[in-house]
Amino acid sequence: MQNVTRNLLIISLVACCLVVLPASAQPPIGGDNGWYAVHCNVDEAQVYFGDDYKGTIEAGVFYVPVYTTGTPYQTFRVEKDGYTTHYGDVISVPGKGETFDLYATLNPVQPTQGPVIGGDIGWYTVHSNVDGATVQFDNDVKGVTSQGTLSVQVYTTGTPYRTFTVTKDGYQPYTGSIDRYPGKGETVDLYVTMNPVATPTQKSPVSPALAGAALLIVGLLLVVRRKN
């Protein structure tokens, strides 16, 4: 009887090992999940990573799940009929449970009215944390930011800009370099973070009550000295 019980116990342990070991011998296929949050100003725009269609923008955003152990994407694009296509680079891979933000700005396609002097058109979109800031490309004023952005139209065959400057009273001027030029129908994003100008701190004047108390103490000390 003891031999039968022992044999049954051994068989049970072996069966457990056969069931458990293969499942724990390697991680789930694809690994852990992270997300890209693709933000866009046009709903129902289609989102592609590489050549893979992922879905459409809804309420200004679309979340793309990715596996942290998968092959990283290099580029993404967002497109919709009647709008220019946005092309962007994917420079980071989210870790487990992380979300990385990607931004796309689509501009309406301008109707064709004969040949355009200067060649095809592209855009720069300047993103700023301050509205009402003046944007200059080299020495040309292009406009002011509104709702966090300003779109600047450029000709792809024109002379490339080298720098852009953003200014506003009460903030430190920001100057950045332009190292990428948009192609036909493309949008290149430029990002600006403006910091308020530091105001010198002023020493608060001595309050009348404090000054009166100090005079009272000095008077009492003089009285005490005279009595002594």
C-alpha atoms as a PDB file:
ATOM      1  CA  MET A   1       0.000   0.000   0.000  1.00  0.00           C
ATOM      2  CA  GLN A   2       2.816   2.386   0.854  1.00  0.00           C
ATOM      3  CA  ASN A   3       4.506   1.639  -2.482  1.00  0.00           C
ATOM      4  CA  VAL A   4       1.297   2.429  -4.374  1.00  0.00           C
ATOM      5  CA  THR A   5       0.889   5.723  -2.505  1.00  0.00           C
ATOM      6  CA  ARG A   6       4.508   6.661  -3.129  1.00  0.00           C
ATOM      7  CA  ASN A   7       4.238   5.863  -6.849  1.00  0.00           C
ATOM      8  CA  LEU A   8       1.079   7.959  -7.152  1.00  0.00           C
ATOM      9  CA  LEU A   9       2.841  10.852  -5.423  1.00  0.00           C
ATOM     10  CA  ILE A  10       5.834  10.631  -7.780  1.00  0.00           C
ATOM     11  CA  ILE A  11       3.548  10.514 -10.843  1.00  0.00           C
ATOM     12  CA  SER A  12       1.664  13.583  -9.568  1.00  0.00           C
ATOM     13  CA  LEU A  13       4.876  15.553  -9.073  1.00  0.00           C
ATOM     14  CA  VAL A  14       6.122  14.654 -12.546  1.00  0.00           C
ATOM     15  CA  ALA A  15       2.795  15.713 -14.078  1.00  0.00           C
ATOM     16  CA  CYS A  16       2.941  19.056 -12.252  1.00  0.00           C
ATOM     17  CA  CYS A  17       6.436  19.665 -13.566  1.00  0.00           C
ATOM     18  CA  LEU A  18       5.354  18.898 -17.126  1.00  0.00           C
ATOM     19  CA  VAL A  19       2.480  21.380 -16.837  1.00  0.00           C
ATOM     20  CA  VAL A  20       4.262  24.185 -14.982  1.00  0.00           C
ATOM     21  CA  LEU A  21       7.773  24.225 -16.406  1.00  0.00           C
ATOM     22  CA  PRO A  22       7.019  24.951 -20.058  1.00  0.00           C
ATOM     23  CA  ALA A  23       4.792  27.923 -19.127  1.00  0.00           C
ATOM     24  CA  SER A  24       7.441  29.515 -16.908  1.00  0.00           C
ATOM     25  CA  ALA A  25      10.472  28.623 -18.986  1.00  0.00           C
ATOM     26  CA  GLN A  26      10.106  31.714 -21.194  1.00  0.00           C
ATOM     27  CA  PRO A  27       8.186  35.045 -21.048  1.00  0.00           C
ATOM     28  CA  PRO A  28       4.946  35.498 -23.008  1.00  0.00           C
ATOM     29  CA  ILE A  29       5.425  36.045 -26.733  1.00  0.00           C
ATOM     30  CA  GLY A  30       6.026  39.722 -27.423  1.00  0.00           C
ATOM     31  CA  GLY A  31       6.897  40.694 -23.861  1.00  0.00           C
ATOM     32  CA  ASP A  32       5.350  43.514 -21.839  1.00  0.00           C
ATOM     33  CA  ASN A  33       3.215  46.308 -23.244  1.00  0.00           C
ATOM     34  CA  GLY A  34       3.836  50.035 -23.576  1.00  0.00           C
ATOM     35  CA  TRP A  35       1.948  52.652 -25.582  1.00  0.00           C
ATOM     36  CA  TYR A  36       2.466  55.521 -27.994  1.00  0.00           C
ATOM     37  CA  ALA A  37      -0.118  58.293 -27.643  1.00  0.00           C
ATOM     38  CA  VAL A  38      -0.448  59.966 -31.050  1.00  0.00           C
ATOM     39  CA  HIS A  39      -1.959  63.446 -30.656  1.00  0.00           C
ATOM     40  CA  CYS A  40      -3.465  65.160 -33.705  1.00  0.00           C
ATOM     41  CA  ASN A  41      -5.586  68.239 -34.405  1.00  0.00           C
ATOM     42  CA  VAL A  42      -7.810  66.370 -36.901  1.00  0.00           C
ATOM     43  CA  ASP A  43     -10.141  63.541 -35.867  1.00  0.00           C
ATOM     44  CA  GLU A  44     -10.523  60.431 -38.047  1.00  0.00           C
ATOM     45  CA  ALA A  45      -7.005  60.893 -39.388  1.00  0.00           C
ATOM     46  CA  GLN A  46      -5.322  57.563 -40.083  1.00  0.00           C
ATOM     47  CA  VAL A  47      -2.244  56.535 -38.091  1.00  0.00           C
ATOM     48  CA  TYR A  48       0.552  54.405 -39.542  1.00  0.00           C
ATOM     49  CA  PHE A  49       3.716  53.124 -37.876  1.00  0.00           C
ATOM     50  CA  GLY A  50       6.155  52.241 -40.602  1.00  0.00           C
ATOM     51  CA  ASP A  51       3.824  50.768 -43.230  1.00  0.00           C
ATOM     52  CA  ASP A  52       1.459  49.256 -40.632  1.00  0.00           C
ATOM     53  CA  TYR A  53      -1.998  50.813 -40.294  1.00  0.00           C
ATOM     54  CA  LYS A  54      -2.884  51.197 -36.590  1.00  0.00           C
ATOM     55  CA  GLY A  55      -6.191  53.064 -36.409  1.00  0.00           C
ATOM     56  CA  THR A  56      -7.759  56.538 -36.464  1.00  0.00           C
ATOM     57  CA  ILE A  57      -7.590  59.617 -34.275  1.00  0.00           C
ATOM     58  CA  GLU A  58     -10.587  60.059 -31.970  1.00  0.00           C
ATOM     59  CA  ALA A  59     -11.045  63.040 -29.637  1.00  0.00           C
ATOM     60  CA  GLY A  60      -7.579  64.250 -30.578  1.00  0.00           C
ATOM     61  CA  VAL A  61      -5.579  61.129 -29.709  1.00  0.00           C
ATOM     62  CA  PHE A  62      -4.982  57.483 -30.622  1.00  0.00           C
ATOM     63  CA  TYR A  63      -3.113  54.963 -28.454  1.00  0.00           C
ATOM     64  CA  VAL A  64      -0.865  52.430 -30.166  1.00  0.00           C
ATOM     65  CA  PRO A  65       0.160  49.432 -28.024  1.00  0.00           C
ATOM     66  CA  VAL A  66       3.697  48.136 -28.557  1.00  0.00           C
ATOM     67  CA  TYR A  67       5.709  45.278 -27.130  1.00  0.00           C
ATOM     68  CA  THR A  68       8.843  46.335 -25.285  1.00  0.00           C
ATOM     69  CA  THR A  69      10.686  43.315 -26.706  1.00  0.00           C
ATOM     70  CA  GLY A  70       9.412  43.807 -30.256  1.00  0.00           C
ATOM     71  CA  THR A  71      11.215  45.372 -33.206  1.00  0.00           C
ATOM     72  CA  PRO A  72      11.201  49.170 -32.637  1.00  0.00           C
ATOM     73  CA  TYR A  73       9.399  51.411 -35.116  1.00  0.00           C
ATOM     74  CA  GLN A  74      11.473  54.131 -36.751  1.00  0.00           C
ATOM     75  CA  THR A  75       8.830  56.404 -38.304  1.00  0.00           C
ATOM     76  CA  PHE A  76       5.120  57.195 -38.137  1.00  0.00           C
ATOM     77  CA  ARG A  77       2.722  59.161 -40.293  1.00  0.00           C
ATOM     78  CA  VAL A  78      -0.760  60.597 -39.914  1.00  0.00           C
ATOM     79  CA  GLU A  79      -2.923  61.324 -42.951  1.00  0.00           C
ATOM     80  CA  LYS A  80      -6.425  62.242 -44.029  1.00  0.00           C
ATOM     81  CA  ASP A  81      -7.963  63.219 -47.341  1.00  0.00           C
ATOM     82  CA  GLY A  82      -7.978  66.979 -47.792  1.00  0.00           C
ATOM     83  CA  TYR A  83      -5.054  67.477 -45.413  1.00  0.00           C
ATOM     84  CA  THR A  84      -1.305  67.368 -45.701  1.00  0.00           C
ATOM     85  CA  THR A  85       0.357  64.210 -44.438  1.00  0.00           C
ATOM     86  CA  HIS A  86       2.462  64.442 -41.281  1.00  0.00           C
ATOM     87  CA  TYR A  87       5.682  62.420 -41.165  1.00  0.00           C
ATOM     88  CA  GLY A  88       7.510  61.975 -37.865  1.00  0.00           C
ATOM     89  CA  ASP A  89      10.372  60.032 -36.303  1.00  0.00           C
ATOM     90  CA  VAL A  90       9.978  57.550 -33.463  1.00  0.00           C
ATOM     91  CA  ILE A  91      13.086  58.025 -31.329  1.00  0.00           C
ATOM     92  CA  SER A  92      12.150  56.130 -28.147  1.00  0.00           C
ATOM     93  CA  VAL A  93      10.521  52.864 -27.132  1.00  0.00           C
ATOM     94  CA  PRO A  94       8.190  52.869 -24.093  1.00  0.00           C
ATOM     95  CA  GLY A  95       8.924  50.486 -21.262  1.00  0.00           C
ATOM     96  CA  LYS A  96       6.405  48.289 -19.497  1.00  0.00           C
ATOM     97  CA  GLY A  97       3.356  50.378 -18.635  1.00  0.00           C
ATOM     98  CA  GLU A  98       4.901  53.585 -20.045  1.00  0.00           C
ATOM     99  CA  THR A  99       3.291  55.951 -22.556  1.00  0.00           C
ATOM    100  CA  PHE A 100       5.258  58.168 -24.966  1.00  0.00           C
ATOM    101  CA  ASP A 101       3.568  61.143 -26.659  1.00  0.00           C
ATOM    102  CA  LEU A 102       3.863  61.828 -30.378  1.00  0.00           C
ATOM    103  CA  TYR A 103       2.384  64.933 -31.999  1.00  0.00           C
ATOM    104  CA  ALA A 104       1.063  65.504 -35.520  1.00  0.00           C
ATOM    105  CA  THR A 105      -0.375  68.697 -37.009  1.00  0.00           C
ATOM    106  CA  LEU A 106      -2.365  68.429 -40.238  1.00  0.00           C
ATOM    107  CA  ASN A 107      -3.018  71.476 -42.412  1.00  0.00           C
ATOM    108  CA  PRO A 108      -5.777  71.730 -45.038  1.00  0.00           C
ATOM    109  CA  VAL A 109      -4.551  71.276 -48.594  1.00  0.00           C
ATOM    110  CA  GLN A 110      -4.652  74.582 -50.442  1.00  0.00           C
ATOM    111  CA  PRO A 111      -6.726  74.495 -53.654  1.00  0.00           C
ATOM    112  CA  THR A 112      -4.647  74.599 -56.804  1.00  0.00           C
ATOM    113  CA  GLN A 113      -4.927  77.909 -58.612  1.00  0.00           C
ATOM    114  CA  GLY A 114      -2.398  77.573 -61.394  1.00  0.00           C
ATOM    115  CA  PRO A 115       1.367  77.235 -60.887  1.00  0.00           C
ATOM    116  CA  VAL A 116       2.680  78.479 -57.567  1.00  0.00           C
ATOM    117  CA  ILE A 117       5.656  80.800 -57.760  1.00  0.00           C
ATOM    118  CA  GLY A 118       8.499  79.402 -55.699  1.00  0.00           C
ATOM    119  CA  GLY A 119       7.623  75.715 -56.002  1.00  0.00           C
ATOM    120  CA  ASP A 120       5.761  73.255 -53.763  1.00  0.00           C
ATOM    121  CA  ILE A 121       4.616  74.051 -50.239  1.00  0.00           C
ATOM    122  CA  GLY A 122       5.448  72.606 -46.825  1.00  0.00           C
ATOM    123  CA  TRP A 123       4.902  73.815 -43.279  1.00  0.00           C
ATOM    124  CA  TYR A 124       6.645  74.378 -39.981  1.00  0.00           C
ATOM    125  CA  THR A 125       4.472  74.149 -36.875  1.00  0.00           C
ATOM    126  CA  VAL A 126       5.914  76.027 -33.900  1.00  0.00           C
ATOM    127  CA  HIS A 127       4.672  74.657 -30.562  1.00  0.00           C
ATOM    128  CA  SER A 128       4.995  76.991 -27.562  1.00  0.00           C
ATOM    129  CA  ASN A 129       3.872  76.968 -23.936  1.00  0.00           C
ATOM    130  CA  VAL A 130       2.985  80.684 -24.240  1.00  0.00           C
ATOM    131  CA  ASP A 131       0.254  82.194 -26.451  1.00  0.00           C
ATOM    132  CA  GLY A 132       0.744  85.575 -28.099  1.00  0.00           C
ATOM    133  CA  ALA A 133       4.490  85.030 -28.598  1.00  0.00           C
ATOM    134  CA  THR A 134       6.033  86.483 -31.784  1.00  0.00           C
ATOM    135  CA  VAL A 135       7.763  83.995 -34.090  1.00  0.00           C
ATOM    136  CA  GLN A 136      10.620  84.955 -36.430  1.00  0.00           C
ATOM    137  CA  PHE A 137      12.408  82.775 -38.959  1.00  0.00           C
ATOM    138  CA  ASP A 138      15.870  84.273 -39.367  1.00  0.00           C
ATOM    139  CA  ASN A 139      14.821  87.958 -39.493  1.00  0.00           C
ATOM    140  CA  ASP A 140      11.309  87.448 -40.942  1.00  0.00           C
ATOM    141  CA  VAL A 141       8.332  87.848 -38.586  1.00  0.00           C
ATOM    142  CA  LYS A 142       5.856  85.017 -39.282  1.00  0.00           C
ATOM    143  CA  GLY A 143       3.103  85.677 -36.733  1.00  0.00           C
ATOM    144  CA  VAL A 144       2.146  84.952 -33.124  1.00  0.00           C
ATOM    145  CA  THR A 145       1.294  81.711 -31.365  1.00  0.00           C
ATOM    146  CA  SER A 146      -2.349  80.934 -30.643  1.00  0.00           C
ATOM    147  CA  GLN A 147      -3.640  77.946 -28.663  1.00  0.00           C
ATOM    148  CA  GLY A 148      -0.061  76.761 -28.355  1.00  0.00           C
ATOM    149  CA  THR A 149       0.902  76.687 -32.047  1.00  0.00           C
ATOM    150  CA  LEU A 150       1.703  78.707 -35.148  1.00  0.00           C
ATOM    151  CA  SER A 151       1.867  77.170 -38.643  1.00  0.00           C
ATOM    152  CA  VAL A 152       4.400  78.731 -41.013  1.00  0.00           C
ATOM    153  CA  GLN A 153       4.110  78.042 -44.747  1.00  0.00           C
ATOM    154  CA  VAL A 154       7.339  77.688 -46.735  1.00  0.00           C
ATOM    155  CA  TYR A 155       8.259  76.836 -50.316  1.00  0.00           C
ATOM    156  CA  THR A 156      10.291  73.657 -50.653  1.00  0.00           C
ATOM    157  CA  THR A 157      12.430  75.282 -53.359  1.00  0.00           C
ATOM    158  CA  GLY A 158      13.000  78.479 -51.402  1.00  0.00           C
ATOM    159  CA  THR A 159      16.100  79.479 -49.478  1.00  0.00           C
ATOM    160  CA  PRO A 160      16.214  77.360 -46.304  1.00  0.00           C
ATOM    161  CA  TYR A 161      15.832  79.101 -42.967  1.00  0.00           C
ATOM    162  CA  ARG A 162      18.582  78.533 -40.403  1.00  0.00           C
ATOM    163  CA  THR A 163      17.150  79.734 -37.075  1.00  0.00           C
ATOM    164  CA  PHE A 164      13.860  80.643 -35.451  1.00  0.00           C
ATOM    165  CA  THR A 165      13.277  83.045 -32.542  1.00  0.00           C
ATOM    166  CA  VAL A 166      10.248  83.345 -30.241  1.00  0.00           C
ATOM    167  CA  THR A 167       9.774  86.442 -28.062  1.00  0.00           C
ATOM    168  CA  LYS A 168       7.207  87.939 -25.701  1.00  0.00           C
ATOM    169  CA  ASP A 169       7.336  90.661 -23.068  1.00  0.00           C
ATOM    170  CA  GLY A 170       7.990  89.205 -19.644  1.00  0.00           C
ATOM    171  CA  TYR A 171       9.704  86.093 -21.014  1.00  0.00           C
ATOM    172  CA  GLN A 172      13.251  85.249 -21.969  1.00  0.00           C
ATOM    173  CA  PRO A 173      13.723  85.116 -25.787  1.00  0.00           C
ATOM    174  CA  TYR A 174      14.117  81.625 -27.242  1.00  0.00           C
ATOM    175  CA  THR A 175      16.297  80.925 -30.299  1.00  0.00           C
ATOM    176  CA  GLY A 176      16.611  77.510 -31.892  1.00  0.00           C
ATOM    177  CA  SER A 177      18.221  76.044 -35.002  1.00  0.00           C
ATOM    178  CA  ILE A 178      16.323  74.691 -38.001  1.00  0.00           C
ATOM    179  CA  ASP A 179      18.063  71.559 -39.204  1.00  0.00           C
ATOM    180  CA  ARG A 180      15.250  69.974 -41.203  1.00  0.00           C
ATOM    181  CA  TYR A 181      13.313  71.366 -44.169  1.00  0.00           C
ATOM    182  CA  PRO A 182       9.802  70.102 -45.024  1.00  0.00           C
ATOM    183  CA  GLY A 183       9.176  68.409 -48.345  1.00  0.00           C
ATOM    184  CA  LYS A 184       6.066  68.853 -50.446  1.00  0.00           C
ATOM    185  CA  GLY A 185       3.005  68.562 -48.221  1.00  0.00           C
ATOM    186  CA  GLU A 186       5.095  67.759 -45.130  1.00  0.00           C
ATOM    187  CA  THR A 187       5.004  69.416 -41.707  1.00  0.00           C
ATOM    188  CA  VAL A 188       8.065  69.787 -39.480  1.00  0.00           C
ATOM    189  CA  ASP A 189       7.419  70.464 -35.782  1.00  0.00           C
ATOM    190  CA  LEU A 190       9.500  72.932 -33.750  1.00  0.00           C
ATOM    191  CA  TYR A 191       9.124  73.038 -29.963  1.00  0.00           C
ATOM    192  CA  VAL A 192       9.672  76.024 -27.662  1.00  0.00           C
ATOM    193  CA  THR A 193       9.600  76.332 -23.875  1.00  0.00           C
ATOM    194  CA  MET A 194       9.658  79.962 -22.715  1.00  0.00           C
ATOM    195  CA  ASN A 195      10.673  80.930 -19.182  1.00  0.00           C
ATOM    196  CA  PRO A 196       9.491  84.076 -17.364  1.00  0.00           C
ATOM    197  CA  VAL A 197      12.046  86.825 -16.766  1.00  0.00           C
ATOM    198  CA  ALA A 198      13.204  86.702 -13.154  1.00  0.00           C
ATOM    199  CA  THR A 199      12.183  89.816 -11.219  1.00  0.00           C
ATOM    200  CA  PRO A 200      14.585  91.095  -8.511  1.00  0.00           C
ATOM    201  CA  THR A 201      13.284  90.561  -5.024  1.00  0.00           C
ATOM    202  CA  GLN A 202      12.693  93.705  -2.980  1.00  0.00           C
ATOM    203  CA  LYS A 203      13.233  93.889   0.756  1.00  0.00           C
ATOM    204  CA  SER A 204      10.005  94.628   2.518  1.00  0.00           C
ATOM    205  CA  PRO A 205      10.097  97.943   4.465  1.00  0.00           C
ATOM    206  CA  VAL A 206      10.031  97.831   8.259  1.00  0.00           C
ATOM    207  CA  SER A 207       6.439  97.920   9.461  1.00  0.00           C
ATOM    208  CA  PRO A 208       5.382 100.921  11.644  1.00  0.00           C
ATOM    209  CA  ALA A 209       4.550  98.590  14.524  1.00  0.00           C
ATOM    210  CA  LEU A 210       8.003  97.025  14.461  1.00  0.00           C
ATOM    211  CA  ALA A 211       9.678 100.424  14.239  1.00  0.00           C
ATOM    212  CA  GLY A 212       7.628 101.701  17.189  1.00  0.00           C
ATOM    213  CA  ALA A 213       8.527  98.678  19.283  1.00  0.00           C
ATOM    214  CA  ALA A 214      12.219  99.214  18.530  1.00  0.00           C
ATOM    215  CA  LEU A 215      12.006 102.893  19.615  1.00  0.00           C
ATOM    216  CA  LEU A 216      10.212 101.895  22.818  1.00  0.00           C
ATOM    217  CA  ILE A 217      12.952  99.397  23.696  1.00  0.00           C
ATOM    218  CA  VAL A 218      15.661 101.998  23.069  1.00  0.00           C
ATOM    219  CA  GLY A 219      13.814 104.516  25.304  1.00  0.00           C
ATOM    220  CA  LEU A 220      13.487 102.005  28.148  1.00  0.00           C
ATOM    221  CA  LEU A 221      17.198 101.213  27.945  1.00  0.00           C
ATOM    222  CA  LEU A 222      18.044 104.924  28.216  1.00  0.00           C
ATOM    223  CA  VAL A 223      15.772 105.337  31.275  1.00  0.00           C
ATOM    224  CA  VAL A 224      17.363 102.356  32.974  1.00  0.00           C
ATOM    225  CA  ARG A 225      20.872 103.730  32.355  1.00  0.00           C
ATOM    226  CA  ARG A 226      19.963 107.130  33.833  1.00  0.00           C
ATOM    227  CA  LYS A 227      18.575 105.541  36.976  1.00  0.00           C
ATOM    228  CA  ASN A 228      21.746 103.580  37.429  1.00  0.00           C
END
